[in-house]
């Protein structure tokens, strides 16, 4: 009887493969394919993406996605593409994008360099109001630069994404209701 149990213990078990941590390239490819496979026309998707890119050029942290989706609804674009387009500004690109936007705004307004003289470091009502005025000018310059850069980048995004989506969709043969097909070779 012990021989019977010993043979049962020797039966090999199927080992499950360990889950792999997805690479950043695979993650980017997944979301890119998901964006390209959205339902709707290529112009609708491109309008949503352009709305999201426009909203992503503004320094409104936490509101960019909401603004991108609202703009996509307003211009009849794809809402998911609008949300995805806001990721043009992410923790890695915040500083370069907003510094560039500020420089563009400063160039357009021909603004002088911003510096706080030592007299502004006193805490009285006059110096506080002067610092607040500088803050308003800073925000004005940044938002003007963000508007100009966002307009140019979103228009460019629209035309490039329409072409890419049309080209990508033309290279696939769609079969059935669910849109699954094989790539043309």
C-alpha atoms as a PDB file:
ATOM      1  CA  UNK A   1       0.000   0.000   0.000  1.00  0.00           C
ATOM      2  CA  UNK A   2       2.870   2.387   0.610  1.00  0.00           C
ATOM      3  CA  UNK A   3       4.104   1.675  -2.932  1.00  0.00           C
ATOM      4  CA  UNK A   4       0.779   2.917  -4.275  1.00  0.00           C
ATOM      5  CA  UNK A   5       1.072   6.241  -2.438  1.00  0.00           C
ATOM      6  CA  UNK A   6       4.670   6.698  -3.487  1.00  0.00           C
ATOM      7  CA  UNK A   7       3.726   6.429  -7.172  1.00  0.00           C
ATOM      8  CA  UNK A   8       0.994   9.008  -6.740  1.00  0.00           C
ATOM      9  CA  UNK A   9       3.473  11.460  -5.280  1.00  0.00           C
ATOM     10  CA  UNK A  10       5.770  11.024  -8.303  1.00  0.00           C
ATOM     11  CA  UNK A  11       3.194  12.299 -10.794  1.00  0.00           C
ATOM     12  CA  UNK A  12       4.594  15.523 -12.220  1.00  0.00           C
ATOM     13  CA  UNK A  13       2.462  18.602 -11.724  1.00  0.00           C
ATOM     14  CA  UNK A  14       1.979  21.157 -14.437  1.00  0.00           C
ATOM     15  CA  UNK A  15       3.921  24.215 -13.509  1.00  0.00           C
ATOM     16  CA  UNK A  16       2.409  27.576 -14.236  1.00  0.00           C
ATOM     17  CA  UNK A  17       4.648  30.179 -15.829  1.00  0.00           C
ATOM     18  CA  UNK A  18       5.480  33.118 -13.625  1.00  0.00           C
ATOM     19  CA  UNK A  19       3.712  36.320 -14.608  1.00  0.00           C
ATOM     20  CA  UNK A  20       6.072  38.706 -16.352  1.00  0.00           C
ATOM     21  CA  UNK A  21       6.254  42.350 -15.500  1.00  0.00           C
ATOM     22  CA  UNK A  22       5.120  44.259 -18.582  1.00  0.00           C
ATOM     23  CA  UNK A  23       7.800  46.399 -20.156  1.00  0.00           C
ATOM     24  CA  UNK A  24       7.227  50.083 -20.839  1.00  0.00           C
ATOM     25  CA  UNK A  25       7.491  49.447 -24.589  1.00  0.00           C
ATOM     26  CA  UNK A  26       4.769  46.844 -24.419  1.00  0.00           C
ATOM     27  CA  UNK A  27       2.582  49.183 -22.353  1.00  0.00           C
ATOM     28  CA  UNK A  28       3.053  52.046 -24.818  1.00  0.00           C
ATOM     29  CA  UNK A  29       2.320  49.727 -27.742  1.00  0.00           C
ATOM     30  CA  UNK A  30      -0.829  48.457 -26.005  1.00  0.00           C
ATOM     31  CA  UNK A  31      -2.237  51.951 -25.461  1.00  0.00           C
ATOM     32  CA  UNK A  32      -1.215  53.070 -28.952  1.00  0.00           C
ATOM     33  CA  UNK A  33      -3.038  50.108 -30.502  1.00  0.00           C
ATOM     34  CA  UNK A  34      -6.004  50.732 -28.248  1.00  0.00           C
ATOM     35  CA  UNK A  35      -6.099  54.334 -29.395  1.00  0.00           C
ATOM     36  CA  UNK A  36      -5.865  53.322 -33.047  1.00  0.00           C
ATOM     37  CA  UNK A  37      -8.594  50.706 -32.658  1.00  0.00           C
ATOM     38  CA  UNK A  38     -11.135  53.140 -31.254  1.00  0.00           C
ATOM     39  CA  UNK A  39     -14.533  53.126 -32.829  1.00  0.00           C
ATOM     40  CA  UNK A  40     -15.482  56.126 -34.864  1.00  0.00           C
ATOM     41  CA  UNK A  41     -14.079  57.893 -37.847  1.00  0.00           C
ATOM     42  CA  UNK A  42     -10.462  58.879 -38.091  1.00  0.00           C
ATOM     43  CA  UNK A  43     -11.385  62.569 -38.013  1.00  0.00           C
ATOM     44  CA  UNK A  44     -13.428  62.092 -34.844  1.00  0.00           C
ATOM     45  CA  UNK A  45     -10.542  60.327 -33.122  1.00  0.00           C
ATOM     46  CA  UNK A  46      -8.073  62.943 -34.371  1.00  0.00           C
ATOM     47  CA  UNK A  47     -10.285  65.783 -33.090  1.00  0.00           C
ATOM     48  CA  UNK A  48     -10.400  64.163 -29.656  1.00  0.00           C
ATOM     49  CA  UNK A  49      -6.657  63.626 -29.624  1.00  0.00           C
ATOM     50  CA  UNK A  50      -6.020  67.230 -30.684  1.00  0.00           C
ATOM     51  CA  UNK A  51      -8.371  68.503 -27.948  1.00  0.00           C
ATOM     52  CA  UNK A  52      -6.474  66.469 -25.360  1.00  0.00           C
ATOM     53  CA  UNK A  53      -3.096  67.698 -26.592  1.00  0.00           C
ATOM     54  CA  UNK A  54      -4.342  71.293 -26.444  1.00  0.00           C
ATOM     55  CA  UNK A  55      -5.533  70.817 -22.849  1.00  0.00           C
ATOM     56  CA  UNK A  56      -2.276  69.071 -21.954  1.00  0.00           C
ATOM     57  CA  UNK A  57      -0.283  72.166 -22.875  1.00  0.00           C
ATOM     58  CA  UNK A  58      -1.814  74.157 -19.999  1.00  0.00           C
ATOM     59  CA  UNK A  59      -0.427  73.989 -16.441  1.00  0.00           C
ATOM     60  CA  UNK A  60      -3.749  72.993 -14.898  1.00  0.00           C
ATOM     61  CA  UNK A  61      -2.686  69.880 -13.024  1.00  0.00           C
ATOM     62  CA  UNK A  62      -5.607  67.616 -12.253  1.00  0.00           C
ATOM     63  CA  UNK A  63      -7.918  69.450 -14.639  1.00  0.00           C
ATOM     64  CA  UNK A  64      -6.186  68.639 -17.923  1.00  0.00           C
ATOM     65  CA  UNK A  65      -8.069  65.389 -18.484  1.00  0.00           C
ATOM     66  CA  UNK A  66     -11.423  66.955 -17.626  1.00  0.00           C
ATOM     67  CA  UNK A  67     -10.735  69.904 -19.934  1.00  0.00           C
ATOM     68  CA  UNK A  68      -9.523  67.556 -22.683  1.00  0.00           C
ATOM     69  CA  UNK A  69     -12.699  65.454 -22.509  1.00  0.00           C
ATOM     70  CA  UNK A  70     -14.930  68.556 -22.387  1.00  0.00           C
ATOM     71  CA  UNK A  71     -13.155  70.052 -25.403  1.00  0.00           C
ATOM     72  CA  UNK A  72     -13.483  66.727 -27.234  1.00  0.00           C
ATOM     73  CA  UNK A  73     -17.235  66.741 -26.559  1.00  0.00           C
ATOM     74  CA  UNK A  74     -17.465  70.364 -27.683  1.00  0.00           C
ATOM     75  CA  UNK A  75     -15.751  69.713 -31.030  1.00  0.00           C
ATOM     76  CA  UNK A  76     -17.376  66.290 -31.469  1.00  0.00           C
ATOM     77  CA  UNK A  77     -14.216  64.320 -30.961  1.00  0.00           C
ATOM     78  CA  UNK A  78     -13.595  60.996 -29.303  1.00  0.00           C
ATOM     79  CA  UNK A  79     -13.632  61.355 -25.499  1.00  0.00           C
ATOM     80  CA  UNK A  80     -11.118  58.562 -24.845  1.00  0.00           C
ATOM     81  CA  UNK A  81      -8.714  60.104 -27.358  1.00  0.00           C
ATOM     82  CA  UNK A  82      -9.208  63.456 -25.622  1.00  0.00           C
ATOM     83  CA  UNK A  83      -8.235  61.948 -22.298  1.00  0.00           C
ATOM     84  CA  UNK A  84      -5.276  60.131 -23.855  1.00  0.00           C
ATOM     85  CA  UNK A  85      -4.011  63.283 -25.558  1.00  0.00           C
ATOM     86  CA  UNK A  86      -3.544  65.070 -22.247  1.00  0.00           C
ATOM     87  CA  UNK A  87      -0.655  62.748 -21.455  1.00  0.00           C
ATOM     88  CA  UNK A  88       1.570  64.896 -23.638  1.00  0.00           C
ATOM     89  CA  UNK A  89       2.288  66.527 -20.301  1.00  0.00           C
ATOM     90  CA  UNK A  90       3.321  64.001 -17.707  1.00  0.00           C
ATOM     91  CA  UNK A  91       5.743  64.115 -14.785  1.00  0.00           C
ATOM     92  CA  UNK A  92       8.673  63.709 -17.184  1.00  0.00           C
ATOM     93  CA  UNK A  93       7.632  66.527 -19.540  1.00  0.00           C
ATOM     94  CA  UNK A  94       6.021  69.116 -17.235  1.00  0.00           C
ATOM     95  CA  UNK A  95       9.098  71.273 -16.752  1.00  0.00           C
ATOM     96  CA  UNK A  96      10.307  71.364 -20.388  1.00  0.00           C
ATOM     97  CA  UNK A  97       6.835  72.025 -21.820  1.00  0.00           C
ATOM     98  CA  UNK A  98       5.891  74.756 -19.363  1.00  0.00           C
ATOM     99  CA  UNK A  99       9.326  76.401 -19.508  1.00  0.00           C
ATOM    100  CA  UNK A 100       9.016  76.494 -23.314  1.00  0.00           C
ATOM    101  CA  UNK A 101       5.458  77.854 -23.069  1.00  0.00           C
ATOM    102  CA  UNK A 102       6.648  80.546 -20.660  1.00  0.00           C
ATOM    103  CA  UNK A 103       9.475  81.572 -23.000  1.00  0.00           C
ATOM    104  CA  UNK A 104       7.052  81.809 -25.946  1.00  0.00           C
ATOM    105  CA  UNK A 105       4.648  83.939 -23.889  1.00  0.00           C
ATOM    106  CA  UNK A 106       7.489  86.152 -22.702  1.00  0.00           C
ATOM    107  CA  UNK A 107       8.691  86.605 -26.287  1.00  0.00           C
ATOM    108  CA  UNK A 108       5.201  87.496 -27.549  1.00  0.00           C
ATOM    109  CA  UNK A 109       4.540  90.001 -24.767  1.00  0.00           C
ATOM    110  CA  UNK A 110       8.110  91.325 -24.881  1.00  0.00           C
ATOM    111  CA  UNK A 111       8.197  90.977 -21.110  1.00  0.00           C
ATOM    112  CA  UNK A 112      11.243  91.866 -19.040  1.00  0.00           C
ATOM    113  CA  UNK A 113      13.077  89.421 -16.842  1.00  0.00           C
ATOM    114  CA  UNK A 114      11.340  88.593 -13.595  1.00  0.00           C
ATOM    115  CA  UNK A 115      13.323  89.212 -10.470  1.00  0.00           C
ATOM    116  CA  UNK A 116      12.317  90.179  -6.971  1.00  0.00           C
ATOM    117  CA  UNK A 117      14.518  92.929  -5.539  1.00  0.00           C
ATOM    118  CA  UNK A 118      15.436  92.747  -1.865  1.00  0.00           C
ATOM    119  CA  UNK A 119      12.840  95.386  -0.979  1.00  0.00           C
ATOM    120  CA  UNK A 120      10.049  92.958  -2.027  1.00  0.00           C
ATOM    121  CA  UNK A 121      11.118  90.506   0.634  1.00  0.00           C
ATOM    122  CA  UNK A 122       9.606  92.702   3.353  1.00  0.00           C
ATOM    123  CA  UNK A 123       6.167  91.661   4.460  1.00  0.00           C
ATOM    124  CA  UNK A 124       4.088  94.803   4.203  1.00  0.00           C
ATOM    125  CA  UNK A 125       0.905  95.401   2.232  1.00  0.00           C
ATOM    126  CA  UNK A 126       2.577  97.359  -0.577  1.00  0.00           C
ATOM    127  CA  UNK A 127       5.276  94.764  -1.335  1.00  0.00           C
ATOM    128  CA  UNK A 128       2.722  91.939  -1.075  1.00  0.00           C
ATOM    129  CA  UNK A 129       0.521  93.610  -3.673  1.00  0.00           C
ATOM    130  CA  UNK A 130       3.547  94.092  -5.967  1.00  0.00           C
ATOM    131  CA  UNK A 131       4.445  90.395  -5.637  1.00  0.00           C
ATOM    132  CA  UNK A 132       0.825  89.480  -6.415  1.00  0.00           C
ATOM    133  CA  UNK A 133       0.993  91.698  -9.502  1.00  0.00           C
ATOM    134  CA  UNK A 134       4.134  89.865 -10.621  1.00  0.00           C
ATOM    135  CA  UNK A 135       2.292  86.571 -10.054  1.00  0.00           C
ATOM    136  CA  UNK A 136      -0.569  87.729 -12.277  1.00  0.00           C
ATOM    137  CA  UNK A 137       1.878  88.768 -15.008  1.00  0.00           C
ATOM    138  CA  UNK A 138       3.667  85.409 -14.681  1.00  0.00           C
ATOM    139  CA  UNK A 139       0.390  83.490 -15.057  1.00  0.00           C
ATOM    140  CA  UNK A 140      -0.651  85.685 -17.983  1.00  0.00           C
ATOM    141  CA  UNK A 141       2.640  85.046 -19.781  1.00  0.00           C
ATOM    142  CA  UNK A 142       2.482  81.306 -19.106  1.00  0.00           C
ATOM    143  CA  UNK A 143      -1.130  80.959 -20.263  1.00  0.00           C
ATOM    144  CA  UNK A 144      -0.531  83.005 -23.425  1.00  0.00           C
ATOM    145  CA  UNK A 145       2.449  80.811 -24.291  1.00  0.00           C
ATOM    146  CA  UNK A 146       0.423  77.684 -23.459  1.00  0.00           C
ATOM    147  CA  UNK A 147      -2.424  78.844 -25.703  1.00  0.00           C
ATOM    148  CA  UNK A 148      -0.125  79.564 -28.665  1.00  0.00           C
ATOM    149  CA  UNK A 149       1.923  76.369 -28.290  1.00  0.00           C
ATOM    150  CA  UNK A 150      -1.217  74.304 -27.606  1.00  0.00           C
ATOM    151  CA  UNK A 151      -2.914  75.665 -30.718  1.00  0.00           C
ATOM    152  CA  UNK A 152       0.025  74.891 -32.977  1.00  0.00           C
ATOM    153  CA  UNK A 153       0.681  71.455 -31.499  1.00  0.00           C
ATOM    154  CA  UNK A 154      -2.998  70.436 -31.501  1.00  0.00           C
ATOM    155  CA  UNK A 155      -3.515  71.458 -35.153  1.00  0.00           C
ATOM    156  CA  UNK A 156      -0.381  69.527 -36.089  1.00  0.00           C
ATOM    157  CA  UNK A 157      -1.570  66.559 -34.031  1.00  0.00           C
ATOM    158  CA  UNK A 158      -4.928  66.581 -35.819  1.00  0.00           C
ATOM    159  CA  UNK A 159      -3.478  66.396 -39.333  1.00  0.00           C
ATOM    160  CA  UNK A 160      -0.767  63.860 -38.465  1.00  0.00           C
ATOM    161  CA  UNK A 161      -3.150  61.594 -36.558  1.00  0.00           C
ATOM    162  CA  UNK A 162      -5.772  61.628 -39.350  1.00  0.00           C
ATOM    163  CA  UNK A 163      -3.129  60.433 -41.797  1.00  0.00           C
ATOM    164  CA  UNK A 164      -1.697  57.821 -39.436  1.00  0.00           C
ATOM    165  CA  UNK A 165      -5.096  56.432 -38.432  1.00  0.00           C
ATOM    166  CA  UNK A 166      -6.251  56.220 -42.068  1.00  0.00           C
ATOM    167  CA  UNK A 167      -2.993  54.554 -43.100  1.00  0.00           C
ATOM    168  CA  UNK A 168      -3.113  52.100 -40.207  1.00  0.00           C
ATOM    169  CA  UNK A 169      -6.759  51.207 -40.802  1.00  0.00           C
ATOM    170  CA  UNK A 170      -6.163  50.749 -44.529  1.00  0.00           C
ATOM    171  CA  UNK A 171      -3.454  48.192 -43.796  1.00  0.00           C
ATOM    172  CA  UNK A 172      -5.890  45.917 -41.949  1.00  0.00           C
ATOM    173  CA  UNK A 173      -8.696  43.767 -43.279  1.00  0.00           C
ATOM    174  CA  UNK A 174     -11.630  43.773 -40.892  1.00  0.00           C
ATOM    175  CA  UNK A 175     -13.874  40.726 -40.660  1.00  0.00           C
ATOM    176  CA  UNK A 176     -17.034  40.175 -38.694  1.00  0.00           C
ATOM    177  CA  UNK A 177     -18.886  42.316 -36.207  1.00  0.00           C
ATOM    178  CA  UNK A 178     -16.082  42.680 -33.703  1.00  0.00           C
ATOM    179  CA  UNK A 179     -13.540  44.126 -36.150  1.00  0.00           C
ATOM    180  CA  UNK A 180     -10.963  41.374 -35.709  1.00  0.00           C
ATOM    181  CA  UNK A 181      -8.985  40.747 -38.815  1.00  0.00           C
ATOM    182  CA  UNK A 182      -5.568  40.057 -40.207  1.00  0.00           C
ATOM    183  CA  UNK A 183      -2.990  42.543 -41.361  1.00  0.00           C
ATOM    184  CA  UNK A 184      -2.543  42.767 -45.099  1.00  0.00           C
ATOM    185  CA  UNK A 185       0.911  41.777 -46.272  1.00  0.00           C
END
